[in-house]
C-alpha cells in the first residue's frame, strides 16, 4: 500500500532529506511491519499519521487471515 509514500510526503513537509527515507510497510503472516525513520521526531510524526489507521489495518489483516 501507500504507507511509505504517505510517510515520506508528511516528512518532506518538514525535512528535505526525507526523500532519502526507505520507509515502507508490509504484512508477514499476521504481523504488520513498518520501517520508520531513524530520528525520534521522524518516528513521532509518522506514528501520529499512521496510528489513526491502525484499527482499520488490523481489521483488514484479520479478514485476510480468515479468507486464506
Protein backbone atom coordinates (compact mmCIF):
# COMPACT_ATOMS: atom_id res chain seq x y z
CA UNK A 1 0.00 0.00 0.00
CA UNK A 2 0.95 3.68 0.04
CA UNK A 3 2.03 3.89 3.68
CA UNK A 4 5.69 4.50 2.80
CA UNK A 5 4.77 7.21 0.29
CA UNK A 6 2.50 8.89 2.83
CA UNK A 7 5.22 8.81 5.50
CA UNK A 8 7.74 10.37 3.10
CA UNK A 9 5.26 13.02 1.93
CA UNK A 10 4.48 14.03 5.51
CA UNK A 11 8.16 14.11 6.48
CA UNK A 12 9.08 16.14 3.38
CA UNK A 13 6.94 18.98 4.71
CA UNK A 14 9.49 19.39 7.49
CA UNK A 15 12.81 17.90 6.32
CA UNK A 16 14.02 17.81 2.71
CA UNK A 17 16.25 14.78 3.36
CA UNK A 18 13.10 12.73 3.97
CA UNK A 19 13.13 11.89 0.26
CA UNK A 20 16.07 9.60 1.07
CA UNK A 21 13.94 7.61 3.51
CA UNK A 22 13.21 3.96 2.81
CA UNK A 23 10.05 4.00 4.87
CA UNK A 24 7.79 1.13 3.99
CA UNK A 25 5.22 -1.20 5.46
CA UNK A 26 4.13 -4.72 4.77
CA UNK A 27 2.46 -7.79 6.18
CA UNK A 28 4.18 -11.07 7.03
CA UNK A 29 1.64 -13.66 8.06
CA UNK A 30 -0.48 -11.87 10.64
CA UNK A 31 2.16 -9.28 11.55
CA UNK A 32 2.23 -5.68 10.34
CA UNK A 33 5.81 -4.50 9.80
CA UNK A 34 6.60 -0.79 9.44
CA UNK A 35 10.02 0.70 8.78
CA UNK A 36 10.06 4.11 10.48
CA UNK A 37 12.58 6.97 10.14
CA UNK A 38 15.79 6.99 12.15
CA UNK A 39 15.13 10.16 14.14
CA UNK A 40 12.89 10.35 17.19
CA UNK A 41 11.00 13.32 15.70
CA UNK A 42 10.52 11.41 12.45
CA UNK A 43 9.13 8.41 14.30
CA UNK A 44 6.74 10.57 16.33
CA UNK A 45 5.48 12.46 13.27
CA UNK A 46 4.95 9.29 11.25
CA UNK A 47 3.21 7.46 14.08
CA UNK A 48 0.81 10.41 14.52
CA UNK A 49 -0.19 9.91 10.91
CA UNK A 50 -0.35 6.08 10.93
CA UNK A 51 -1.91 5.32 14.33
CA UNK A 52 -5.41 6.57 13.40
CA UNK A 53 -5.41 3.97 10.61
CA UNK A 54 -4.14 1.12 12.78
CA UNK A 55 -7.55 -0.26 13.74
CA UNK A 56 -8.59 -0.43 10.08
CA UNK A 57 -5.29 -2.10 9.13
CA UNK A 58 -5.71 -4.74 11.83
CA UNK A 59 -9.30 -5.42 10.73
CA UNK A 60 -8.14 -5.87 7.12
CA UNK A 61 -5.35 -8.20 8.22
CA UNK A 62 -7.85 -10.26 10.19
CA UNK A 63 -10.14 -10.61 7.20
CA UNK A 64 -7.17 -11.60 5.02
CA UNK A 65 -6.15 -14.29 7.51
CA UNK A 66 -9.63 -15.81 7.67
CA UNK A 67 -10.14 -15.79 3.90
CA UNK A 68 -6.94 -17.71 3.09
